[in-house]
Protein backbone atom coordinates (compact mmCIF):
# COMPACT_ATOMS: atom_id res chain seq x y z
CA MET A 1 -6.28 7.85 3.64
CA ALA A 2 -9.06 6.95 6.05
CA GLN A 3 -9.00 7.89 9.75
CA SER A 4 -9.13 4.23 10.71
CA ASP A 5 -7.29 1.34 9.12
CA ALA A 6 -9.25 -0.84 6.69
CA LEU A 7 -6.92 -3.80 6.68
CA TYR A 8 -7.52 -7.53 6.65
CA GLU A 9 -5.59 -8.76 9.68
CA SER A 10 -5.60 -12.41 8.56
CA LEU A 11 -3.77 -11.45 5.33
CA THR A 12 -0.10 -10.61 5.09
CA ALA A 13 1.15 -7.09 4.61
CA GLU A 14 1.80 -7.94 0.95
CA GLU A 15 -1.60 -9.53 0.37
CA ASN A 16 -3.49 -6.45 1.62
CA PRO A 17 -2.18 -3.98 -0.99
CA THR A 18 -2.43 -6.72 -3.63
CA PHE A 19 -6.14 -7.02 -2.85
CA PHE A 20 -6.73 -3.27 -2.96
CA GLY A 21 -4.58 -2.80 -6.06
CA GLU A 22 -6.57 -5.45 -7.90
CA MET A 23 -9.77 -3.64 -6.87
CA LYS A 24 -8.31 -0.48 -8.46
CA GLY A 25 -7.78 -2.47 -11.67
CA MET A 26 -3.99 -2.43 -11.59
CA ALA A 27 -2.16 -4.97 -13.75
CA LYS A 28 -0.36 -7.68 -11.75
CA GLN A 29 3.12 -6.78 -13.02
CA GLN A 30 2.60 -3.07 -12.29
CA LEU A 31 1.05 -3.89 -8.93
CA GLN A 32 4.02 -5.93 -7.71
CA ALA A 33 6.43 -3.12 -8.64
CA GLU A 34 4.19 -0.53 -6.95
CA ILE A 35 3.92 -2.60 -3.76
CA ALA A 36 7.71 -2.91 -3.58
CA LYS A 37 8.08 0.84 -4.08
CA VAL A 38 5.50 1.96 -1.51
CA ALA A 39 6.68 -0.64 1.01
CA GLN A 40 10.12 0.91 0.77
CA VAL A 41 8.68 4.42 1.20
CA VAL A 42 6.91 3.45 4.44
CA ASP A 43 9.78 1.21 5.63
CA LEU A 44 7.89 -2.09 5.67
CA THR A 45 9.86 -4.02 3.05
CA ASN A 46 11.32 -6.47 5.58
CA THR A 47 7.95 -7.31 7.13
CA LEU A 48 5.73 -7.83 4.07
CA SER A 49 5.40 -11.55 4.78
CA LYS A 50 4.02 -10.98 8.30
CA ARG A 51 0.29 -11.18 8.98
CA VAL A 52 -1.16 -7.73 9.59
CA GLY A 53 -2.60 -8.98 12.89
CA GLU A 54 1.01 -9.17 14.15
CA TYR A 55 1.70 -5.53 13.25
CA SER A 56 1.81 -2.71 15.78
CA ARG A 57 -0.66 0.18 15.38
CA GLY A 58 2.07 2.32 13.82
CA MET A 59 2.96 -0.36 11.30
CA LYS A 60 -0.73 -0.70 10.37
CA ARG A 61 -0.93 3.06 9.76
CA ARG A 62 2.14 2.90 7.53
CA LEU A 63 0.63 0.00 5.60
CA SER A 64 -2.60 1.99 5.15
CA LEU A 65 -0.53 4.87 3.80
CA ALA A 66 1.25 2.51 1.40
CA ILE A 67 -2.11 1.28 0.10
CA ALA A 68 -3.30 4.87 -0.34
CA LEU A 69 -0.15 5.63 -2.35
CA LEU A 70 -0.66 2.76 -4.79
CA ASN A 71 -1.00 3.96 -8.37
CA THR A 72 -0.91 7.68 -7.50
CA ASN A 73 2.02 8.64 -9.75
CA HIS A 74 -0.29 9.88 -12.50
CA ILE A 75 -2.16 12.08 -9.99
CA LEU A 76 1.07 13.56 -8.64
CA LYS A 77 2.34 14.29 -12.15
CA MET A 78 -0.93 16.03 -13.08
CA THR A 79 -0.81 18.12 -9.89
CA CYS A 80 2.76 19.20 -10.60
CA LYS A 81 1.83 20.28 -14.13
CA ILE A 82 -1.20 22.27 -12.94
CA GLY A 83 0.55 23.94 -10.03
């Protein structure tokens, strides 16, 4: 995760990870499930429809973390097998 947030403030909190997930080449169905999962992990599920510009700094950091966590299950599984 970057030191500073790379979020589009005019987009909603759901549209931001959708954009980045599509850039990673994630399938739409998988992406929607992943967004729901990571939003729950960072406790932003109830605010996904808000524009990021309305978020506090802490909420923006949590959203950045959620984006960083998208599609990382395969990396975590590989790390567990190696270690």
